[in-house]
Amino acid sequence: MPAKGAVKSKSHEPDEVARLRSLAHDLSNSLEAILQAAYLLSQGKLDGDSKRWAQLIDSSSQEAARINRDMRKVLLALSETEAAITTKGTPRIRSGQAPVHEVKTNK
């Protein structure tokens, strides 16, 4: 299911999608730090105003994390679509056979 407001395009540059996926991953890491800090902050003794600010930080960062997850799903779908287009007509790997980049060697 496409994300709300997703833009449909016939062609996406694989490098652009990969860069956006990398940025979304980095954003996830930053949001996780904010979520953890908000949780720890909420565990302390806070007065009324401070508690409301802590709740605002927590709810806003949770919403940002949800948006980021949705964005990563869209980017993953674009990557998979692009991969399917670029591999169309290439030989298929038989079931149980590992792709070349996954072959393990014994050293």
Protein backbone atom coordinates (compact mmCIF):
# COMPACT_ATOMS: atom_id res chain seq x y z
CA MET A 1 0.00 0.00 0.00
CA PRO A 2 1.58 3.31 -1.03
CA ALA A 3 2.14 5.87 1.69
CA LYS A 4 -0.21 8.83 1.86
CA GLY A 5 1.03 11.56 -0.48
CA ALA A 6 3.52 9.26 -2.25
CA VAL A 7 4.66 10.55 -5.62
CA LYS A 8 4.57 7.99 -8.42
CA SER A 9 7.35 8.10 -10.96
CA LYS A 10 8.28 5.71 -13.74
CA SER A 11 11.99 5.99 -13.02
CA HIS A 12 14.01 6.55 -9.89
CA GLU A 13 17.75 6.83 -9.87
CA PRO A 14 19.06 3.90 -7.80
CA ASP A 15 21.76 6.14 -6.29
CA GLU A 16 19.15 8.69 -5.17
CA VAL A 17 16.98 6.02 -3.56
CA ALA A 18 20.01 4.48 -1.87
CA ARG A 19 21.05 7.90 -0.55
CA LEU A 20 17.54 8.56 0.77
CA ARG A 21 17.50 5.13 2.44
CA SER A 22 20.83 5.94 4.09
CA LEU A 23 19.53 9.30 5.32
CA ALA A 24 16.34 7.67 6.64
CA HIS A 25 18.47 5.12 8.49
CA ASP A 26 20.58 7.88 10.05
CA LEU A 27 17.40 9.74 11.01
CA SER A 28 16.13 6.56 12.70
CA ASN A 29 19.28 6.44 14.82
CA SER A 30 18.87 10.08 15.88
CA LEU A 31 15.19 9.60 16.67
CA GLU A 32 15.98 6.54 18.75
CA ALA A 33 18.34 8.63 20.91
CA ILE A 34 15.62 11.27 21.37
CA LEU A 35 13.04 8.62 22.26
CA GLN A 36 15.37 7.04 24.82
CA ALA A 37 16.20 10.43 26.34
CA ALA A 38 12.50 11.33 26.51
CA TYR A 39 11.77 8.05 28.27
CA LEU A 40 14.55 8.58 30.81
CA LEU A 41 13.42 12.16 31.34
CA SER A 42 9.87 10.97 32.03
CA GLN A 43 11.17 8.64 34.74
CA GLY A 44 12.44 11.58 36.81
CA LYS A 45 10.49 13.84 39.11
CA LEU A 46 9.24 16.72 37.00
CA ASP A 47 7.03 19.69 37.85
CA GLY A 48 3.87 20.37 35.81
CA ASP A 49 5.41 22.47 33.03
CA SER A 50 8.49 20.29 32.69
CA LYS A 51 6.33 17.18 32.58
CA ARG A 52 4.21 18.67 29.76
CA TRP A 53 7.37 19.58 27.79
CA ALA A 54 8.73 16.05 28.28
CA GLN A 55 5.41 14.59 27.06
CA LEU A 56 5.52 16.88 24.01
CA ILE A 57 9.05 15.71 23.19
CA ASP A 58 8.01 12.08 23.62
CA SER A 59 4.83 12.27 21.53
CA SER A 60 6.45 14.34 18.78
CA SER A 61 9.47 12.05 18.52
CA GLN A 62 7.21 8.97 18.40
CA GLU A 63 5.26 10.58 15.55
CA ALA A 64 8.52 11.44 13.75
CA ALA A 65 9.67 7.82 14.16
CA ARG A 66 6.37 6.57 12.69
CA ILE A 67 6.73 8.91 9.70
CA ASN A 68 10.32 7.76 9.24
CA ARG A 69 9.23 4.09 9.25
CA ASP A 70 6.62 4.87 6.59
CA MET A 71 9.23 6.71 4.53
CA ARG A 72 11.63 3.75 4.81
CA LYS A 73 8.89 1.38 3.62
CA VAL A 74 8.29 3.53 0.54
CA LEU A 75 12.02 3.73 -0.19
CA LEU A 76 12.39 -0.03 0.25
CA ALA A 77 9.54 -0.60 -2.20
CA LEU A 78 11.20 1.76 -4.69
CA SER A 79 14.49 -0.12 -4.28
CA GLU A 80 12.80 -3.47 -4.82
CA THR A 81 10.94 -2.15 -7.87
CA GLU A 82 14.15 -0.71 -9.31
CA ALA A 83 15.97 -3.99 -8.65
CA ALA A 84 13.23 -5.94 -10.41
CA ILE A 85 13.45 -3.62 -13.42
CA THR A 86 17.24 -3.75 -13.64
CA THR A 87 17.38 -7.55 -13.28
CA LYS A 88 14.63 -8.21 -15.81
CA GLY A 89 16.02 -10.50 -18.48
CA THR A 90 19.01 -11.63 -16.41
CA PRO A 91 19.43 -15.28 -15.51
CA ARG A 92 17.53 -16.37 -12.42
CA ILE A 93 19.28 -18.15 -9.57
CA ARG A 94 17.96 -21.64 -8.94
CA SER A 95 16.21 -22.27 -5.65
CA GLY A 96 18.69 -22.97 -2.88
CA GLN A 97 21.61 -21.45 -4.79
CA ALA A 98 23.18 -18.44 -3.09
CA PRO A 99 23.77 -15.27 -5.10
CA VAL A 100 27.44 -14.59 -5.84
CA HIS A 101 27.73 -11.88 -3.18
CA GLU A 102 26.46 -14.32 -0.53
CA VAL A 103 28.79 -17.22 -1.31
CA LYS A 104 30.88 -18.02 1.75
CA THR A 105 34.39 -19.28 1.45
CA ASN A 106 36.32 -21.35 3.97
CA LYS A 107 39.67 -19.85 4.85
